[in-house]
Amino acid sequence: MRSDQDELRAPLARVRGLGSAREGTEHYIAQRLTAVALIPLMIWFVFSLVTVAGADYATVKAWLQQPVNAVLLIALLMAVFHHAHLGMRVVIEDYVDNEFYKVTLVTFTKFLSYIFGIATVLAVVRIFVQGG
């Protein structure tokens, strides 16, 4: 015999995002937050590229050495690589049937997003601190 509590458990678990992987809602929210963060960051980045278009290396380096530009570019890079990883993870989980390949590809894309993210952030920091 089922109690009232048993009947409420499944809908409550769905509301909390506790699906089979126990992280569905968390992943969904993270993907949406990075997408929203990328909107103003990309607008700033495109505007900034237009302002330094055709400039020489020294001018672009001086632009990147400004603290606001360096911080915004690092935020953009972190958001881009995290959002890309989240998107690729969804594609892999949806379309790769073999569990070994799925886990391997998700791990590989996470590793690549960390490596590329760290490398690009360190490049910005190097230019900002040392002057390139």
N, C-alpha and C. Protein backbone atom coordinates (compact mmCIF):
# COMPACT_ATOMS: atom_id res chain seq x y z
N MET A 1 0.84 -1.18 0.00
CA MET A 1 0.00 0.00 0.00
C MET A 1 0.89 1.24 0.00
N ARG A 2 0.61 2.15 -0.89
CA ARG A 2 1.39 3.39 -1.04
C ARG A 2 0.85 4.46 -0.11
N SER A 3 1.76 5.17 0.48
CA SER A 3 1.35 6.27 1.35
C SER A 3 1.34 7.57 0.54
N ASP A 4 0.80 8.61 1.12
CA ASP A 4 0.80 9.92 0.47
C ASP A 4 2.21 10.43 0.25
N GLN A 5 3.10 10.07 1.18
CA GLN A 5 4.49 10.51 1.07
C GLN A 5 5.16 9.90 -0.16
N ASP A 6 4.89 8.64 -0.48
CA ASP A 6 5.47 7.98 -1.65
C ASP A 6 4.99 8.65 -2.94
N GLU A 7 3.73 9.08 -2.96
CA GLU A 7 3.20 9.71 -4.15
C GLU A 7 3.84 11.07 -4.40
N LEU A 8 4.24 11.75 -3.35
CA LEU A 8 4.85 13.07 -3.48
C LEU A 8 6.33 13.01 -3.78
N ARG A 9 6.95 11.91 -3.51
CA ARG A 9 8.40 11.81 -3.65
C ARG A 9 8.86 11.99 -5.10
N ALA A 10 8.21 11.34 -6.03
CA ALA A 10 8.64 11.43 -7.43
C ALA A 10 8.49 12.86 -7.98
N PRO A 11 7.34 13.52 -7.79
CA PRO A 11 7.25 14.89 -8.28
C PRO A 11 8.25 15.83 -7.58
N LEU A 12 8.47 15.63 -6.30
CA LEU A 12 9.43 16.46 -5.59
C LEU A 12 10.84 16.23 -6.13
N ALA A 13 11.16 14.99 -6.42
CA ALA A 13 12.48 14.69 -7.00
C ALA A 13 12.62 15.34 -8.36
N ARG A 14 11.54 15.36 -9.14
CA ARG A 14 11.60 16.01 -10.46
C ARG A 14 11.82 17.51 -10.32
N VAL A 15 11.16 18.12 -9.36
CA VAL A 15 11.31 19.56 -9.15
C VAL A 15 12.73 19.89 -8.73
N ARG A 16 13.32 19.06 -7.90
CA ARG A 16 14.69 19.28 -7.45
C ARG A 16 15.72 18.92 -8.50
N GLY A 17 15.30 18.33 -9.60
CA GLY A 17 16.22 17.98 -10.66
C GLY A 17 16.94 16.68 -10.40
N LEU A 18 16.36 15.83 -9.58
CA LEU A 18 17.01 14.58 -9.26
C LEU A 18 16.57 13.49 -10.24
N GLY A 19 17.05 13.58 -11.44
CA GLY A 19 16.77 12.55 -12.44
C GLY A 19 17.73 11.40 -12.26
N SER A 20 17.93 10.63 -13.30
CA SER A 20 18.80 9.46 -13.19
C SER A 20 20.24 9.85 -12.92
N ALA A 21 20.68 10.98 -13.45
CA ALA A 21 22.06 11.41 -13.24
C ALA A 21 22.18 12.31 -12.00
N ARG A 22 21.07 12.74 -11.44
CA ARG A 22 21.01 13.58 -10.26
C ARG A 22 21.64 14.96 -10.44
N GLU A 23 21.72 15.42 -11.67
CA GLU A 23 22.29 16.75 -11.90
C GLU A 23 21.68 17.47 -13.09
N GLY A 24 20.53 17.06 -13.54
CA GLY A 24 19.93 17.64 -14.73
C GLY A 24 19.64 19.11 -14.62
N THR A 25 19.01 19.53 -13.54
CA THR A 25 18.66 20.93 -13.37
C THR A 25 19.91 21.78 -13.20
N GLU A 26 20.87 21.27 -12.45
CA GLU A 26 22.12 22.00 -12.22
C GLU A 26 22.84 22.26 -13.54
N HIS A 27 22.90 21.25 -14.40
CA HIS A 27 23.54 21.39 -15.70
C HIS A 27 22.78 22.39 -16.57
N TYR A 28 21.47 22.30 -16.57
CA TYR A 28 20.62 23.19 -17.36
C TYR A 28 20.83 24.64 -16.93
N ILE A 29 20.82 24.88 -15.62
CA ILE A 29 21.00 26.24 -15.11
C ILE A 29 22.39 26.76 -15.44
N ALA A 30 23.41 25.93 -15.28
CA ALA A 30 24.79 26.35 -15.58
C ALA A 30 24.92 26.74 -17.05
N GLN A 31 24.31 25.96 -17.92
CA GLN A 31 24.39 26.26 -19.35
C GLN A 31 23.67 27.57 -19.67
N ARG A 32 22.53 27.81 -19.05
CA ARG A 32 21.79 29.05 -19.30
C ARG A 32 22.53 30.25 -18.71
N LEU A 33 23.13 30.10 -17.53
CA LEU A 33 23.86 31.20 -16.91
C LEU A 33 25.08 31.60 -17.74
N THR A 34 25.80 30.61 -18.26
CA THR A 34 26.96 30.95 -19.09
C THR A 34 26.50 31.60 -20.39
N ALA A 35 25.38 31.15 -20.93
CA ALA A 35 24.86 31.78 -22.16
C ALA A 35 24.48 33.24 -21.91
N VAL A 36 23.84 33.50 -20.79
CA VAL A 36 23.45 34.87 -20.45
C VAL A 36 24.70 35.73 -20.20
N ALA A 37 25.70 35.16 -19.52
CA ALA A 37 26.94 35.90 -19.25
C ALA A 37 27.68 36.21 -20.55
N LEU A 38 27.58 35.31 -21.51
CA LEU A 38 28.29 35.51 -22.76
C LEU A 38 27.71 36.64 -23.62
N ILE A 39 26.46 36.97 -23.44
CA ILE A 39 25.84 38.03 -24.26
C ILE A 39 26.55 39.37 -24.08
N PRO A 40 26.60 39.92 -22.85
CA PRO A 40 27.29 41.20 -22.72
C PRO A 40 28.80 41.10 -22.95
N LEU A 41 29.39 39.96 -22.59
CA LEU A 41 30.83 39.80 -22.80
C LEU A 41 31.17 39.78 -24.29
N MET A 42 30.35 39.12 -25.09
CA MET A 42 30.61 39.09 -26.53
C MET A 42 30.35 40.45 -27.17
N ILE A 43 29.34 41.16 -26.69
CA ILE A 43 29.09 42.51 -27.21
C ILE A 43 30.30 43.40 -26.92
N TRP A 44 30.80 43.34 -25.68
CA TRP A 44 32.00 44.11 -25.32
C TRP A 44 33.18 43.70 -26.19
N PHE A 45 33.37 42.39 -26.40
CA PHE A 45 34.50 41.89 -27.16
C PHE A 45 34.45 42.35 -28.62
N VAL A 46 33.30 42.24 -29.24
CA VAL A 46 33.16 42.68 -30.63
C VAL A 46 33.40 44.18 -30.74
N PHE A 47 32.82 44.95 -29.83
CA PHE A 47 33.04 46.39 -29.82
C PHE A 47 34.53 46.70 -29.65
N SER A 48 35.19 45.98 -28.76
CA SER A 48 36.62 46.19 -28.52
C SER A 48 37.45 45.84 -29.74
N LEU A 49 37.08 44.75 -30.41
CA LEU A 49 37.81 44.37 -31.62
C LEU A 49 37.68 45.43 -32.70
N VAL A 50 36.51 46.01 -32.80
CA VAL A 50 36.29 47.06 -33.79
C VAL A 50 37.16 48.27 -33.48
N THR A 51 37.30 48.60 -32.19
CA THR A 51 38.08 49.78 -31.82
C THR A 51 39.58 49.59 -32.05
N VAL A 52 40.07 48.35 -31.98
CA VAL A 52 41.51 48.12 -32.20
C VAL A 52 41.79 47.51 -33.57
N ALA A 53 40.78 47.41 -34.40
CA ALA A 53 40.98 46.85 -35.74
C ALA A 53 41.98 47.70 -36.52
N GLY A 54 42.94 47.04 -37.11
CA GLY A 54 43.95 47.73 -37.90
C GLY A 54 45.07 48.34 -37.09
N ALA A 55 45.00 48.22 -35.78
CA ALA A 55 46.05 48.78 -34.93
C ALA A 55 47.28 47.87 -34.94
N ASP A 56 48.41 48.44 -34.58
CA ASP A 56 49.63 47.64 -34.53
C ASP A 56 49.67 46.83 -33.22
N TYR A 57 50.66 45.94 -33.15
CA TYR A 57 50.78 45.03 -32.00
C TYR A 57 50.91 45.80 -30.69
N ALA A 58 51.68 46.85 -30.67
CA ALA A 58 51.90 47.62 -29.44
C ALA A 58 50.59 48.23 -28.93
N THR A 59 49.75 48.68 -29.83
CA THR A 59 48.47 49.27 -29.43
C THR A 59 47.54 48.22 -28.84
N VAL A 60 47.48 47.06 -29.48
CA VAL A 60 46.63 45.98 -28.99
C VAL A 60 47.15 45.48 -27.64
N LYS A 61 48.47 45.40 -27.50
CA LYS A 61 49.06 44.98 -26.23
C LYS A 61 48.74 46.00 -25.14
N ALA A 62 48.82 47.28 -25.45
CA ALA A 62 48.49 48.33 -24.48
C ALA A 62 47.01 48.24 -24.10
N TRP A 63 46.15 47.94 -25.08
CA TRP A 63 44.73 47.77 -24.80
C TRP A 63 44.51 46.62 -23.82
N LEU A 64 45.21 45.51 -24.03
CA LEU A 64 45.05 44.34 -23.17
C LEU A 64 45.66 44.54 -21.79
N GLN A 65 46.59 45.48 -21.65
CA GLN A 65 47.20 45.74 -20.36
C GLN A 65 46.33 46.63 -19.47
N GLN A 66 45.23 47.11 -19.99
CA GLN A 66 44.29 47.85 -19.15
C GLN A 66 43.53 46.84 -18.29
N PRO A 67 43.45 47.06 -16.98
CA PRO A 67 42.84 46.07 -16.09
C PRO A 67 41.42 45.66 -16.45
N VAL A 68 40.58 46.61 -16.84
CA VAL A 68 39.19 46.27 -17.18
C VAL A 68 39.15 45.33 -18.38
N ASN A 69 39.95 45.62 -19.40
CA ASN A 69 39.97 44.77 -20.59
C ASN A 69 40.50 43.39 -20.27
N ALA A 70 41.55 43.30 -19.46
CA ALA A 70 42.12 42.00 -19.12
C ALA A 70 41.12 41.16 -18.32
N VAL A 71 40.46 41.77 -17.36
CA VAL A 71 39.49 41.04 -16.53
C VAL A 71 38.30 40.58 -17.38
N LEU A 72 37.78 41.46 -18.22
CA LEU A 72 36.65 41.08 -19.07
C LEU A 72 37.02 40.00 -20.07
N LEU A 73 38.24 40.07 -20.61
CA LEU A 73 38.67 39.03 -21.55
C LEU A 73 38.83 37.69 -20.85
N ILE A 74 39.37 37.69 -19.64
CA ILE A 74 39.49 36.45 -18.87
C ILE A 74 38.10 35.88 -18.55
N ALA A 75 37.17 36.74 -18.16
CA ALA A 75 35.81 36.29 -17.89
C ALA A 75 35.18 35.70 -19.15
N LEU A 76 35.40 36.35 -20.28
CA LEU A 76 34.89 35.84 -21.56
C LEU A 76 35.47 34.47 -21.87
N LEU A 77 36.77 34.32 -21.73
CA LEU A 77 37.42 33.05 -22.04
C LEU A 77 36.92 31.93 -21.13
N MET A 78 36.80 32.23 -19.84
CA MET A 78 36.31 31.21 -18.91
C MET A 78 34.87 30.80 -19.25
N ALA A 79 34.03 31.78 -19.54
CA ALA A 79 32.64 31.48 -19.87
C ALA A 79 32.53 30.71 -21.18
N VAL A 80 33.33 31.09 -22.18
CA VAL A 80 33.29 30.41 -23.48
C VAL A 80 33.68 28.94 -23.34
N PHE A 81 34.78 28.68 -22.67
CA PHE A 81 35.23 27.29 -22.57
C PHE A 81 34.31 26.45 -21.68
N HIS A 82 33.77 27.04 -20.63
CA HIS A 82 32.84 26.29 -19.78
C HIS A 82 31.54 26.01 -20.54
N HIS A 83 31.03 27.02 -21.24
CA HIS A 83 29.80 26.84 -22.01
C HIS A 83 30.00 25.81 -23.13
N ALA A 84 31.14 25.87 -23.79
CA ALA A 84 31.42 24.90 -24.86
C ALA A 84 31.47 23.48 -24.30
N HIS A 85 32.10 23.34 -23.15
CA HIS A 85 32.16 22.00 -22.55
C HIS A 85 30.76 21.50 -22.19
N LEU A 86 29.93 22.37 -21.60
CA LEU A 86 28.58 21.96 -21.25
C LEU A 86 27.79 21.54 -22.48
N GLY A 87 27.92 22.30 -23.55
CA GLY A 87 27.20 21.97 -24.78
C GLY A 87 27.68 20.67 -25.41
N MET A 88 29.00 20.49 -25.45
CA MET A 88 29.53 19.25 -26.02
C MET A 88 29.13 18.04 -25.18
N ARG A 89 29.08 18.24 -23.87
CA ARG A 89 28.68 17.14 -23.00
C ARG A 89 27.26 16.68 -23.31
N VAL A 90 26.36 17.64 -23.52
CA VAL A 90 24.98 17.30 -23.86
C VAL A 90 24.92 16.53 -25.18
N VAL A 91 25.66 17.02 -26.18
CA VAL A 91 25.67 16.34 -27.49
C VAL A 91 26.19 14.92 -27.34
N ILE A 92 27.29 14.75 -26.62
CA ILE A 92 27.88 13.42 -26.44
C ILE A 92 26.92 12.51 -25.69
N GLU A 93 26.33 13.00 -24.60
CA GLU A 93 25.42 12.17 -23.82
C GLU A 93 24.18 11.79 -24.62
N ASP A 94 23.74 12.66 -25.51
CA ASP A 94 22.54 12.38 -26.29
C ASP A 94 22.79 11.45 -27.48
N TYR A 95 23.97 11.54 -28.09
CA TYR A 95 24.17 10.83 -29.35
C TYR A 95 25.18 9.69 -29.33
N VAL A 96 25.93 9.53 -28.26
CA VAL A 96 26.88 8.42 -28.18
C VAL A 96 26.25 7.33 -27.33
N ASP A 97 26.05 6.16 -27.92
CA ASP A 97 25.37 5.07 -27.22
C ASP A 97 26.30 4.24 -26.34
N ASN A 98 27.50 4.01 -26.80
CA ASN A 98 28.44 3.18 -26.06
C ASN A 98 28.90 3.91 -24.80
N GLU A 99 28.70 3.31 -23.64
CA GLU A 99 29.00 3.97 -22.37
C GLU A 99 30.49 4.28 -22.22
N PHE A 100 31.36 3.39 -22.68
CA PHE A 100 32.80 3.63 -22.59
C PHE A 100 33.19 4.84 -23.43
N TYR A 101 32.70 4.91 -24.67
CA TYR A 101 33.00 6.04 -25.53
C TYR A 101 32.42 7.34 -24.96
N LYS A 102 31.21 7.23 -24.41
CA LYS A 102 30.56 8.40 -23.84
C LYS A 102 31.40 8.99 -22.70
N VAL A 103 31.80 8.14 -21.77
CA VAL A 103 32.60 8.60 -20.62
C VAL A 103 33.95 9.12 -21.09
N THR A 104 34.56 8.43 -22.04
CA THR A 104 35.86 8.85 -22.56
C THR A 104 35.77 10.21 -23.25
N LEU A 105 34.76 10.39 -24.09
CA LEU A 105 34.61 11.66 -24.81
C LEU A 105 34.27 12.81 -23.87
N VAL A 106 33.40 12.58 -22.90
CA VAL A 106 33.06 13.64 -21.95
C VAL A 106 34.29 14.03 -21.15
N THR A 107 35.07 13.04 -20.71
CA THR A 107 36.29 13.33 -19.97
C THR A 107 37.30 14.06 -20.84
N PHE A 108 37.43 13.65 -22.08
CA PHE A 108 38.38 14.28 -23.01
C PHE A 108 37.99 15.73 -23.29
N THR A 109 36.70 15.99 -23.52
CA THR A 109 36.28 17.36 -23.79
C THR A 109 36.44 18.24 -22.54
N LYS A 110 36.21 17.67 -21.37
CA LYS A 110 36.43 18.43 -20.14
C LYS A 110 37.91 18.77 -19.99
N PHE A 111 38.76 17.79 -20.25
CA PHE A 111 40.21 18.00 -20.19
C PHE A 111 40.64 19.08 -21.18
N LEU A 112 40.17 18.99 -22.41
CA LEU A 112 40.52 20.00 -23.42
C LEU A 112 40.03 21.38 -23.05
N SER A 113 38.82 21.48 -22.53
CA SER A 113 38.30 22.79 -22.15
C SER A 113 39.13 23.38 -21.02
N TYR A 114 39.59 22.56 -20.08
CA TYR A 114 40.46 23.06 -19.01
C TYR A 114 41.82 23.48 -19.57
N ILE A 115 42.41 22.65 -20.42
CA ILE A 115 43.73 22.97 -20.97
C ILE A 115 43.69 24.26 -21.79
N PHE A 116 42.73 24.35 -22.71
CA PHE A 116 42.63 25.55 -23.55
C PHE A 116 42.25 26.78 -22.71
N GLY A 117 41.36 26.59 -21.75
CA GLY A 117 40.97 27.70 -20.88
C GLY A 117 42.14 28.22 -20.07
N ILE A 118 42.90 27.32 -19.47
CA ILE A 118 44.06 27.72 -18.67
C ILE A 118 45.11 28.38 -19.56
N ALA A 119 45.36 27.80 -20.73
CA ALA A 119 46.38 28.35 -21.64
C ALA A 119 46.01 29.77 -22.08
N THR A 120 44.77 29.99 -22.43
CA THR A 120 44.38 31.32 -22.90
C THR A 120 44.36 32.34 -21.76
N VAL A 121 43.90 31.92 -20.59
CA VAL A 121 43.91 32.83 -19.44
C VAL A 121 45.34 33.18 -19.04
N LEU A 122 46.23 32.20 -19.05
CA LEU A 122 47.63 32.48 -18.73
C LEU A 122 48.27 33.41 -19.76
N ALA A 123 47.89 33.28 -21.02
CA ALA A 123 48.41 34.18 -22.06
C ALA A 123 47.98 35.62 -21.78
N VAL A 124 46.72 35.80 -21.40
CA VAL A 124 46.23 37.14 -21.09
C VAL A 124 46.95 37.68 -19.86
N VAL A 125 47.08 36.85 -18.83
CA VAL A 125 47.77 37.27 -17.60
C VAL A 125 49.22 37.63 -17.89
N ARG A 126 49.87 36.86 -18.74
CA ARG A 126 51.28 37.13 -19.08
C ARG A 126 51.41 38.50 -19.75
N ILE A 127 50.54 38.77 -20.71
CA ILE A 127 50.59 40.06 -21.39
C ILE A 127 50.26 41.19 -20.41
N PHE A 128 49.29 40.96 -19.55
CA PHE A 128 48.89 41.99 -18.59
C PHE A 128 50.01 42.29 -17.58
N VAL A 129 50.65 41.25 -17.06
CA VAL A 129 51.65 41.43 -16.01
C VAL A 129 53.02 41.81 -16.56
N GLN A 130 53.48 41.06 -17.56
CA GLN A 130 54.85 41.23 -18.05
C GLN A 130 54.93 42.12 -19.29
N GLY A 131 53.85 42.32 -19.91
CA GLY A 131 53.89 43.11 -21.14
C GLY A 131 54.15 42.30 -22.38
N GLY A 132 53.90 40.97 -22.29
CA GLY A 132 53.98 40.11 -23.47
C GLY A 132 55.36 39.72 -23.80
